[in-house]
Amino acid sequence: MNRHSVALAISLSLTFSHFPFTVVAQAPKLMLASDYPQSLELSQYLVSEKLDGIRAYWDGSTLWSRSGERIHAPSWFTAPLPTIELEGELWIGRGRFQSLMSIVRDQQPNEKQWRQVGLYLFDLPMGAEPFQLRYQRLQAITRGIDRAFVQVIEQRPVSSPEALQRQLELVTELGGEGLMLHHKDNLYLPGRSSQLLKYKSYQDGEAVVVAHQEGKGKYQGMLGAVEVETQDGRRFRIGSGFSDAERKNPPAIGTVITYRYNGTTDAGLPRFARYLRPHPML
């Protein structure tokens, strides 16, 4: 891999020392988003929908996940891509993350299922220009690729905090995850960036399942709640967000899950935590 790849093999435990699995990979060095700080000069930002997909990095010859796992896409999917670095999101629609994950994780790609998948580009890791110029270049590159399954995520200016909030509410009502704000002058620098922001109506986090609690009443004989532990050792229970099928076959102990919450208590624990899904290993 090139200059945006880690030089040595790294052992990834998704930063949780209690997690029982290890992935050895060469992870690309990507730019990461910070949380929206509520006080910005919004005229300097472009806004797009935050797609609930799987982040994908194209190094010019191979498609990789954020954690450095190779994505085994069909040859027809990658053949039109240019020999330059691209970054985007594999996506099949709002609320369909689980279906997408089952498609993308298959090491023998299912040609028919991959026909559902789109590559939605949002940056050029090799680009030395400010983001607004990289976005223009990305549009031109995508027109040159000329495949319906390769699109650029649309970036729009926003006029005010009220307009931004209305846009967030609309995306959320449609089943979307939230918004991304990208400073027009932001350069592509690997690591956490204060000029690449995510804005959602809720917060999310990851934790490892450490215990199951049996349900009561209509959930008798099924899962009532899971006890989870976060990276910093905090433990709490999550009892909502599970389907009946998931209560009958709950996430195994040791599984990393993603949960949603709305702020924290005085003790620093997530408020109104709800199960979202298993954390993708990609």
C-alpha atoms as a PDB file:
ATOM      1  CA  MET A   1       0.000   0.000   0.000  1.00  0.00           C
ATOM      2  CA  ASN A   2       1.041   3.684  -0.347  1.00  0.00           C
ATOM      3  CA  ARG A   3       1.851   6.584   1.940  1.00  0.00           C
ATOM      4  CA  HIS A   4      -1.582   6.458   3.567  1.00  0.00           C
ATOM      5  CA  SER A   5      -1.049   2.897   4.811  1.00  0.00           C
ATOM      6  CA  VAL A   6       0.497   1.941   8.104  1.00  0.00           C
ATOM      7  CA  ALA A   7       4.060   0.796   7.504  1.00  0.00           C
ATOM      8  CA  LEU A   8       3.887  -2.113   9.897  1.00  0.00           C
ATOM      9  CA  ALA A   9       1.180  -4.692  10.595  1.00  0.00           C
ATOM     10  CA  ILE A  10      -0.858  -3.526  13.552  1.00  0.00           C
ATOM     11  CA  SER A  11      -2.934  -5.598  15.927  1.00  0.00           C
ATOM     12  CA  LEU A  12      -6.453  -4.160  16.150  1.00  0.00           C
ATOM     13  CA  SER A  13      -8.681  -5.022  19.073  1.00  0.00           C
ATOM     14  CA  LEU A  14     -10.974  -2.088  18.275  1.00  0.00           C
ATOM     15  CA  THR A  15      -9.169  -0.301  21.143  1.00  0.00           C
ATOM     16  CA  PHE A  16     -10.981  -2.384  23.768  1.00  0.00           C
ATOM     17  CA  SER A  17      -8.596  -4.451  25.864  1.00  0.00           C
ATOM     18  CA  HIS A  18     -11.433  -6.781  26.952  1.00  0.00           C
ATOM     19  CA  PHE A  19     -12.444  -7.695  23.420  1.00  0.00           C
ATOM     20  CA  PRO A  20     -11.704 -11.352  22.667  1.00  0.00           C
ATOM     21  CA  PHE A  21     -10.731 -10.946  19.031  1.00  0.00           C
ATOM     22  CA  THR A  22      -7.728  -9.552  17.231  1.00  0.00           C
ATOM     23  CA  VAL A  23      -7.479  -8.413  13.641  1.00  0.00           C
ATOM     24  CA  VAL A  24      -4.068  -8.072  12.036  1.00  0.00           C
ATOM     25  CA  ALA A  25      -4.217  -5.600   9.195  1.00  0.00           C
ATOM     26  CA  GLN A  26      -2.504  -2.734   7.452  1.00  0.00           C
ATOM     27  CA  ALA A  27      -4.951   0.045   8.114  1.00  0.00           C
ATOM     28  CA  PRO A  28      -5.047   3.137   5.907  1.00  0.00           C
ATOM     29  CA  LYS A  29      -4.346   6.462   7.591  1.00  0.00           C
ATOM     30  CA  LEU A  30      -7.628   8.300   7.149  1.00  0.00           C
ATOM     31  CA  MET A  31      -9.039  11.600   8.325  1.00  0.00           C
ATOM     32  CA  LEU A  32     -11.568  11.185  11.151  1.00  0.00           C
ATOM     33  CA  ALA A  33     -14.495  13.400  12.113  1.00  0.00           C
ATOM     34  CA  SER A  34     -15.027  15.246  15.382  1.00  0.00           C
ATOM     35  CA  ASP A  35     -18.408  15.983  16.986  1.00  0.00           C
ATOM     36  CA  TYR A  36     -20.290  19.133  15.997  1.00  0.00           C
ATOM     37  CA  PRO A  37     -19.431  21.832  18.574  1.00  0.00           C
ATOM     38  CA  GLN A  38     -22.674  23.880  18.202  1.00  0.00           C
ATOM     39  CA  SER A  39     -20.763  27.106  17.543  1.00  0.00           C
ATOM     40  CA  LEU A  40     -19.384  27.503  14.013  1.00  0.00           C
ATOM     41  CA  GLU A  41     -19.069  29.951  11.158  1.00  0.00           C
ATOM     42  CA  LEU A  42     -21.336  27.807   9.005  1.00  0.00           C
ATOM     43  CA  SER A  43     -20.680  29.795   5.845  1.00  0.00           C
ATOM     44  CA  GLN A  44     -17.249  28.136   5.741  1.00  0.00           C
ATOM     45  CA  TYR A  45     -18.678  24.601   5.687  1.00  0.00           C
ATOM     46  CA  LEU A  46     -20.258  22.259   3.155  1.00  0.00           C
ATOM     47  CA  VAL A  47     -22.856  19.813   4.460  1.00  0.00           C
ATOM     48  CA  SER A  48     -23.765  16.293   3.325  1.00  0.00           C
ATOM     49  CA  GLU A  49     -25.762  13.371   4.652  1.00  0.00           C
ATOM     50  CA  LYS A  50     -23.822  10.954   6.859  1.00  0.00           C
ATOM     51  CA  LEU A  51     -24.485   7.643   5.164  1.00  0.00           C
ATOM     52  CA  ASP A  52     -24.992   4.613   7.367  1.00  0.00           C
ATOM     53  CA  GLY A  53     -22.664   2.409   5.361  1.00  0.00           C
ATOM     54  CA  ILE A  54     -19.167   0.932   5.443  1.00  0.00           C
ATOM     55  CA  ARG A  55     -16.260   3.282   4.895  1.00  0.00           C
ATOM     56  CA  ALA A  56     -14.132   2.232   1.939  1.00  0.00           C
ATOM     57  CA  TYR A  57     -10.658   3.293   0.851  1.00  0.00           C
ATOM     58  CA  TRP A  58      -9.457   2.639  -2.713  1.00  0.00           C
ATOM     59  CA  ASP A  59      -5.641   2.706  -2.923  1.00  0.00           C
ATOM     60  CA  GLY A  60      -5.593   2.645  -6.707  1.00  0.00           C
ATOM     61  CA  SER A  61      -5.801  -1.143  -7.045  1.00  0.00           C
ATOM     62  CA  THR A  62      -7.551  -2.614  -3.992  1.00  0.00           C
ATOM     63  CA  LEU A  63     -10.553  -1.727  -1.846  1.00  0.00           C
ATOM     64  CA  TRP A  64      -9.948  -1.634   1.914  1.00  0.00           C
ATOM     65  CA  SER A  65     -12.032  -1.028   5.026  1.00  0.00           C
ATOM     66  CA  ARG A  66     -11.139   1.603   7.595  1.00  0.00           C
ATOM     67  CA  SER A  67      -9.529  -1.059   9.816  1.00  0.00           C
ATOM     68  CA  GLY A  68      -7.392  -2.415   6.982  1.00  0.00           C
ATOM     69  CA  GLU A  69      -9.461  -5.435   5.982  1.00  0.00           C
ATOM     70  CA  ARG A  70      -9.555  -6.147   2.270  1.00  0.00           C
ATOM     71  CA  ILE A  71     -13.036  -5.766   0.792  1.00  0.00           C
ATOM     72  CA  HIS A  72     -13.616  -8.521  -1.756  1.00  0.00           C
ATOM     73  CA  ALA A  73     -15.729  -6.663  -4.287  1.00  0.00           C
ATOM     74  CA  PRO A  74     -16.430  -8.202  -7.710  1.00  0.00           C
ATOM     75  CA  SER A  75     -13.967  -7.315 -10.464  1.00  0.00           C
ATOM     76  CA  TRP A  76     -16.646  -5.433 -12.422  1.00  0.00           C
ATOM     77  CA  PHE A  77     -17.155  -3.195  -9.372  1.00  0.00           C
ATOM     78  CA  THR A  78     -13.516  -2.145  -9.063  1.00  0.00           C
ATOM     79  CA  ALA A  79     -12.455  -2.277 -12.740  1.00  0.00           C
ATOM     80  CA  PRO A  80     -13.760   1.231 -13.611  1.00  0.00           C
ATOM     81  CA  LEU A  81     -12.009   2.885 -10.647  1.00  0.00           C
ATOM     82  CA  PRO A  82      -8.917   4.973 -11.491  1.00  0.00           C
ATOM     83  CA  THR A  83      -5.382   4.253 -10.257  1.00  0.00           C
ATOM     84  CA  ILE A  84      -5.542   7.007  -7.639  1.00  0.00           C
ATOM     85  CA  GLU A  85      -6.668   7.046  -4.028  1.00  0.00           C
ATOM     86  CA  LEU A  86     -10.368   7.521  -3.395  1.00  0.00           C
ATOM     87  CA  GLU A  87     -12.410   7.491  -0.229  1.00  0.00           C
ATOM     88  CA  GLY A  88     -16.108   6.829   0.090  1.00  0.00           C
ATOM     89  CA  GLU A  89     -18.914   4.836   1.645  1.00  0.00           C
ATOM     90  CA  LEU A  90     -20.340   1.521   0.492  1.00  0.00           C
ATOM     91  CA  TRP A  91     -24.105   1.927   0.876  1.00  0.00           C
ATOM     92  CA  ILE A  92     -27.362   0.280  -0.173  1.00  0.00           C
ATOM     93  CA  GLY A  93     -29.870   2.645   1.446  1.00  0.00           C
ATOM     94  CA  ARG A  94     -31.022   4.010   4.773  1.00  0.00           C
ATOM     95  CA  GLY A  95     -31.700   1.451   7.468  1.00  0.00           C
ATOM     96  CA  ARG A  96     -30.058  -1.416   5.571  1.00  0.00           C
ATOM     97  CA  PHE A  97     -26.698  -1.596   7.289  1.00  0.00           C
ATOM     98  CA  GLN A  98     -27.058  -5.220   8.378  1.00  0.00           C
ATOM     99  CA  SER A  99     -27.814  -6.354   4.829  1.00  0.00           C
ATOM    100  CA  LEU A 100     -24.867  -4.355   3.537  1.00  0.00           C
ATOM    101  CA  MET A 101     -22.514  -5.859   6.109  1.00  0.00           C
ATOM    102  CA  SER A 102     -23.474  -9.411   5.128  1.00  0.00           C
ATOM    103  CA  ILE A 103     -22.736  -8.579   1.482  1.00  0.00           C
ATOM    104  CA  VAL A 104     -19.425  -6.825   2.053  1.00  0.00           C
ATOM    105  CA  ARG A 105     -17.991  -9.287   4.583  1.00  0.00           C
ATOM    106  CA  ASP A 106     -18.339 -12.235   2.197  1.00  0.00           C
ATOM    107  CA  GLN A 107     -14.882 -13.193   0.903  1.00  0.00           C
ATOM    108  CA  GLN A 108     -16.519 -14.811  -2.114  1.00  0.00           C
ATOM    109  CA  PRO A 109     -18.531 -11.859  -3.441  1.00  0.00           C
ATOM    110  CA  ASN A 110     -22.092 -12.573  -4.448  1.00  0.00           C
ATOM    111  CA  GLU A 111     -22.392 -10.941  -7.866  1.00  0.00           C
ATOM    112  CA  LYS A 112     -26.165 -10.496  -7.643  1.00  0.00           C
ATOM    113  CA  GLN A 113     -26.114  -8.973  -4.159  1.00  0.00           C
ATOM    114  CA  TRP A 114     -23.279  -6.600  -5.045  1.00  0.00           C
ATOM    115  CA  ARG A 115     -25.543  -5.124  -7.752  1.00  0.00           C
ATOM    116  CA  GLN A 116     -27.337  -3.371  -4.871  1.00  0.00           C
ATOM    117  CA  VAL A 117     -24.178  -1.685  -3.574  1.00  0.00           C
ATOM    118  CA  GLY A 118     -23.094   1.812  -4.465  1.00  0.00           C
ATOM    119  CA  LEU A 119     -19.741   3.492  -3.832  1.00  0.00           C
ATOM    120  CA  TYR A 120     -20.472   7.033  -2.666  1.00  0.00           C
ATOM    121  CA  LEU A 121     -17.264   9.052  -2.821  1.00  0.00           C
ATOM    122  CA  PHE A 122     -16.528  11.914  -0.465  1.00  0.00           C
ATOM    123  CA  ASP A 123     -12.789  12.676  -0.616  1.00  0.00           C
ATOM    124  CA  LEU A 124      -9.418  12.371  -2.347  1.00  0.00           C
ATOM    125  CA  PRO A 125      -6.817  11.351   0.248  1.00  0.00           C
ATOM    126  CA  MET A 126      -3.925  12.272  -2.090  1.00  0.00           C
ATOM    127  CA  GLY A 127      -5.361  15.695  -2.894  1.00  0.00           C
ATOM    128  CA  ALA A 128      -3.280  18.629  -1.645  1.00  0.00           C
ATOM    129  CA  GLU A 129      -5.994  21.190  -2.366  1.00  0.00           C
ATOM    130  CA  PRO A 130      -8.590  22.563   0.069  1.00  0.00           C
ATOM    131  CA  PHE A 131     -11.692  20.405   0.361  1.00  0.00           C
ATOM    132  CA  GLN A 132     -13.906  22.502  -1.900  1.00  0.00           C
ATOM    133  CA  LEU A 133     -11.417  21.995  -4.750  1.00  0.00           C
ATOM    134  CA  ARG A 134     -11.049  18.284  -3.970  1.00  0.00           C
ATOM    135  CA  TYR A 135     -14.828  18.031  -4.159  1.00  0.00           C
ATOM    136  CA  GLN A 136     -14.809  19.590  -7.633  1.00  0.00           C
ATOM    137  CA  ARG A 137     -12.060  17.209  -8.752  1.00  0.00           C
ATOM    138  CA  LEU A 138     -14.005  14.284  -7.326  1.00  0.00           C
ATOM    139  CA  GLN A 139     -17.056  15.277  -9.350  1.00  0.00           C
ATOM    140  CA  ALA A 140     -14.966  15.350 -12.538  1.00  0.00           C
ATOM    141  CA  ILE A 141     -13.386  11.976 -11.731  1.00  0.00           C
ATOM    142  CA  THR A 142     -16.800  10.432 -11.144  1.00  0.00           C
ATOM    143  CA  ARG A 143     -18.102  11.734 -14.450  1.00  0.00           C
ATOM    144  CA  GLY A 144     -15.091  10.077 -16.065  1.00  0.00           C
ATOM    145  CA  ILE A 145     -15.822   6.756 -14.346  1.00  0.00           C
ATOM    146  CA  ASP A 146     -19.364   6.963 -15.724  1.00  0.00           C
ATOM    147  CA  ARG A 147     -20.912   4.107 -13.740  1.00  0.00           C
ATOM    148  CA  ALA A 148     -24.260   4.432 -11.979  1.00  0.00           C
ATOM    149  CA  PHE A 149     -22.966   2.654  -8.867  1.00  0.00           C
ATOM    150  CA  VAL A 150     -20.188   5.226  -8.362  1.00  0.00           C
ATOM    151  CA  GLN A 151     -21.515   8.572  -7.131  1.00  0.00           C
ATOM    152  CA  VAL A 152     -20.226  11.622  -5.303  1.00  0.00           C
ATOM    153  CA  ILE A 153     -21.942  12.445  -2.028  1.00  0.00           C
ATOM    154  CA  GLU A 154     -23.541  15.826  -2.636  1.00  0.00           C
ATOM    155  CA  GLN A 155     -22.120  18.711  -0.613  1.00  0.00           C
ATOM    156  CA  ARG A 156     -24.246  21.806  -0.018  1.00  0.00           C
ATOM    157  CA  PRO A 157     -23.712  25.144   1.722  1.00  0.00           C
ATOM    158  CA  VAL A 158     -25.900  25.911   4.729  1.00  0.00           C
ATOM    159  CA  SER A 159     -27.077  29.394   5.645  1.00  0.00           C
ATOM    160  CA  SER A 160     -27.744  29.258   9.390  1.00  0.00           C
ATOM    161  CA  PRO A 161     -27.895  27.011  12.464  1.00  0.00           C
ATOM    162  CA  GLU A 162     -31.673  26.871  12.014  1.00  0.00           C
ATOM    163  CA  ALA A 163     -31.302  25.659   8.420  1.00  0.00           C
ATOM    164  CA  LEU A 164     -28.762  23.076   9.556  1.00  0.00           C
ATOM    165  CA  GLN A 165     -31.147  21.824  12.237  1.00  0.00           C
ATOM    166  CA  ARG A 166     -33.994  21.550   9.714  1.00  0.00           C
ATOM    167  CA  GLN A 167     -31.731  19.562   7.404  1.00  0.00           C
ATOM    168  CA  LEU A 168     -30.796  17.221  10.261  1.00  0.00           C
ATOM    169  CA  GLU A 169     -34.449  16.708  11.190  1.00  0.00           C
ATOM    170  CA  LEU A 170     -35.378  15.926   7.580  1.00  0.00           C
ATOM    171  CA  VAL A 171     -32.579  13.372   7.181  1.00  0.00           C
ATOM    172  CA  THR A 172     -33.469  11.777  10.518  1.00  0.00           C
ATOM    173  CA  GLU A 173     -37.167  11.546   9.615  1.00  0.00           C
ATOM    174  CA  LEU A 174     -36.190   9.754   6.400  1.00  0.00           C
ATOM    175  CA  GLY A 175     -34.234   7.202   8.413  1.00  0.00           C
ATOM    176  CA  GLY A 176     -30.792   8.736   7.899  1.00  0.00           C
ATOM    177  CA  GLU A 177     -28.002   8.793  10.452  1.00  0.00           C
ATOM    178  CA  GLY A 178     -27.106  12.483  10.476  1.00  0.00           C
ATOM    179  CA  LEU A 179     -24.967  15.075   8.726  1.00  0.00           C
ATOM    180  CA  MET A 180     -21.303  15.694   7.953  1.00  0.00           C
ATOM    181  CA  LEU A 181     -19.813  19.202   7.903  1.00  0.00           C
ATOM    182  CA  HIS A 182     -16.595  19.700   5.957  1.00  0.00           C
ATOM    183  CA  HIS A 183     -14.702  22.994   6.105  1.00  0.00           C
ATOM    184  CA  LYS A 184     -14.170  24.347   2.614  1.00  0.00           C
ATOM    185  CA  ASP A 185     -10.467  24.983   3.246  1.00  0.00           C
ATOM    186  CA  ASN A 186      -9.739  21.775   5.123  1.00  0.00           C
ATOM    187  CA  LEU A 187      -6.657  19.904   3.916  1.00  0.00           C
ATOM    188  CA  TYR A 188      -6.576  16.110   3.987  1.00  0.00           C
ATOM    189  CA  LEU A 189      -4.547  15.233   7.074  1.00  0.00           C
ATOM    190  CA  PRO A 190      -4.808  11.760   8.657  1.00  0.00           C
ATOM    191  CA  GLY A 191      -6.165  11.662  12.191  1.00  0.00           C
ATOM    192  CA  ARG A 192      -8.952  13.445  14.056  1.00  0.00           C
ATOM    193  CA  SER A 193      -9.860  16.732  12.406  1.00  0.00           C
ATOM    194  CA  SER A 194     -11.652  19.699  13.971  1.00  0.00           C
ATOM    195  CA  GLN A 195     -12.702  20.798  10.477  1.00  0.00           C
ATOM    196  CA  LEU A 196     -14.501  17.563   9.603  1.00  0.00           C
ATOM    197  CA  LEU A 197     -17.549  17.273  11.844  1.00  0.00           C
ATOM    198  CA  LYS A 198     -20.433  14.882  12.384  1.00  0.00           C
ATOM    199  CA  TYR A 199     -23.823  16.121  13.561  1.00  0.00           C
ATOM    200  CA  LYS A 200     -26.483  13.689  14.723  1.00  0.00           C
ATOM    201  CA  SER A 201     -29.667  13.880  16.780  1.00  0.00           C
ATOM    202  CA  TYR A 202     -28.208  11.245  19.066  1.00  0.00           C
ATOM    203  CA  GLN A 203     -24.791  10.036  20.148  1.00  0.00           C
ATOM    204  CA  ASP A 204     -23.404   6.561  19.696  1.00  0.00           C
ATOM    205  CA  GLY A 205     -20.708   4.443  21.250  1.00  0.00           C
ATOM    206  CA  GLU A 206     -19.257   0.945  21.343  1.00  0.00           C
ATOM    207  CA  ALA A 207     -19.072  -1.513  24.217  1.00  0.00           C
ATOM    208  CA  VAL A 208     -18.487  -5.220  24.765  1.00  0.00           C
ATOM    209  CA  VAL A 209     -21.254  -7.534  26.017  1.00  0.00           C
ATOM    210  CA  VAL A 210     -20.210  -9.025  29.368  1.00  0.00           C
ATOM    211  CA  ALA A 211     -23.474 -10.596  30.591  1.00  0.00           C
ATOM    212  CA  HIS A 212     -27.061 -11.461  29.632  1.00  0.00           C
ATOM    213  CA  GLN A 213     -30.095 -10.889  31.816  1.00  0.00           C
ATOM    214  CA  GLU A 214     -33.228 -12.944  31.239  1.00  0.00           C
ATOM    215  CA  GLY A 215     -36.405 -11.145  30.319  1.00  0.00           C
ATOM    216  CA  LYS A 216     -39.671 -11.043  32.238  1.00  0.00           C
ATOM    217  CA  GLY A 217     -43.294 -10.961  31.178  1.00  0.00           C
ATOM    218  CA  LYS A 218     -43.595 -11.143  27.401  1.00  0.00           C
ATOM    219  CA  TYR A 219     -39.828 -11.610  27.207  1.00  0.00           C
ATOM    220  CA  GLN A 220     -39.805 -14.595  29.570  1.00  0.00           C
ATOM    221  CA  GLY A 221     -37.265 -17.109  28.268  1.00  0.00           C
ATOM    222  CA  MET A 222     -35.639 -14.481  26.066  1.00  0.00           C
ATOM    223  CA  LEU A 223     -33.129 -11.701  26.540  1.00  0.00           C
ATOM    224  CA  GLY A 224     -34.219  -8.921  28.847  1.00  0.00           C
ATOM    225  CA  ALA A 225     -31.050  -6.834  28.752  1.00  0.00           C
ATOM    226  CA  VAL A 226     -27.332  -7.041  28.170  1.00  0.00           C
ATOM    227  CA  GLU A 227     -24.705  -5.750  30.532  1.00  0.00           C
ATOM    228  CA  VAL A 228     -21.907  -4.036  28.652  1.00  0.00           C
ATOM    229  CA  GLU A 229     -18.520  -2.539  29.424  1.00  0.00           C
ATOM    230  CA  THR A 230     -16.961   0.430  27.669  1.00  0.00           C
ATOM    231  CA  GLN A 231     -13.302   1.016  26.860  1.00  0.00           C
ATOM    232  CA  ASP A 232     -12.796   3.004  30.059  1.00  0.00           C
ATOM    233  CA  GLY A 233     -14.346   0.290  32.253  1.00  0.00           C
ATOM    234  CA  ARG A 234     -17.850   1.719  32.772  1.00  0.00           C
ATOM    235  CA  ARG A 235     -20.609  -0.883  32.993  1.00  0.00           C
ATOM    236  CA  PHE A 236     -24.317  -0.412  32.361  1.00  0.00           C
ATOM    237  CA  ARG A 237     -27.335  -2.268  31.005  1.00  0.00           C
ATOM    238  CA  ILE A 238     -29.069  -1.962  27.659  1.00  0.00           C
ATOM    239  CA  GLY A 239     -32.573  -3.383  27.507  1.00  0.00           C
ATOM    240  CA  SER A 240     -34.170  -1.651  24.539  1.00  0.00           C
ATOM    241  CA  GLY A 241     -33.614  -1.601  20.815  1.00  0.00           C
ATOM    242  CA  PHE A 242     -33.642  -5.400  20.399  1.00  0.00           C
ATOM    243  CA  SER A 243     -36.018  -7.121  17.995  1.00  0.00           C
ATOM    244  CA  ASP A 244     -37.796 -10.297  19.126  1.00  0.00           C
ATOM    245  CA  ALA A 245     -35.427 -12.286  16.907  1.00  0.00           C
ATOM    246  CA  GLU A 246     -32.425 -10.659  18.611  1.00  0.00           C
ATOM    247  CA  ARG A 247     -33.917 -11.357  22.040  1.00  0.00           C
ATOM    248  CA  LYS A 248     -34.192 -15.035  21.093  1.00  0.00           C
ATOM    249  CA  ASN A 249     -30.645 -15.053  19.725  1.00  0.00           C
ATOM    250  CA  PRO A 250     -28.847 -12.202  21.521  1.00  0.00           C
ATOM    251  CA  PRO A 251     -25.339 -10.907  20.847  1.00  0.00           C
ATOM    252  CA  ALA A 252     -22.921 -13.380  22.385  1.00  0.00           C
ATOM    253  CA  ILE A 253     -20.836 -12.467  25.404  1.00  0.00           C
ATOM    254  CA  GLY A 254     -17.671 -10.880  24.065  1.00  0.00           C
ATOM    255  CA  THR A 255     -19.438  -9.284  21.094  1.00  0.00           C
ATOM    256  CA  VAL A 256     -18.768  -5.623  20.440  1.00  0.00           C
ATOM    257  CA  ILE A 257     -21.998  -3.718  19.910  1.00  0.00           C
ATOM    258  CA  THR A 258     -22.900  -0.182  18.882  1.00  0.00           C
ATOM    259  CA  TYR A 259     -25.514   1.636  20.954  1.00  0.00           C
ATOM    260  CA  ARG A 260     -27.294   4.991  20.752  1.00  0.00           C
ATOM    261  CA  TYR A 261     -27.821   7.365  23.649  1.00  0.00           C
ATOM    262  CA  ASN A 262     -28.860  10.925  24.473  1.00  0.00           C
ATOM    263  CA  GLY A 263     -26.304  12.580  26.698  1.00  0.00           C
ATOM    264  CA  THR A 264     -24.946  11.221  29.970  1.00  0.00           C
ATOM    265  CA  THR A 265     -26.020  11.049  33.606  1.00  0.00           C
ATOM    266  CA  ASP A 266     -24.202  12.796  36.463  1.00  0.00           C
ATOM    267  CA  ALA A 267     -22.283   9.537  36.882  1.00  0.00           C
ATOM    268  CA  GLY A 268     -21.128   9.709  33.260  1.00  0.00           C
ATOM    269  CA  LEU A 269     -23.264   6.807  32.033  1.00  0.00           C
ATOM    270  CA  PRO A 270     -25.191   6.984  28.740  1.00  0.00           C
ATOM    271  CA  ARG A 271     -28.808   8.145  29.068  1.00  0.00           C
ATOM    272  CA  PHE A 272     -31.542   6.174  27.261  1.00  0.00           C
ATOM    273  CA  ALA A 273     -29.048   3.726  25.773  1.00  0.00           C
ATOM    274  CA  ARG A 274     -30.553   1.583  22.986  1.00  0.00           C
ATOM    275  CA  TYR A 275     -28.998  -1.337  21.165  1.00  0.00           C
ATOM    276  CA  LEU A 276     -28.259  -0.505  17.537  1.00  0.00           C
ATOM    277  CA  ARG A 277     -26.310  -3.393  15.976  1.00  0.00           C
ATOM    278  CA  PRO A 278     -23.144  -5.508  16.282  1.00  0.00           C
ATOM    279  CA  HIS A 279     -20.082  -3.397  15.607  1.00  0.00           C
ATOM    280  CA  PRO A 280     -18.775  -4.234  12.120  1.00  0.00           C
ATOM    281  CA  MET A 281     -15.433  -5.988  12.049  1.00  0.00           C
ATOM    282  CA  LEU A 282     -14.611  -4.184   8.813  1.00  0.00           C
END
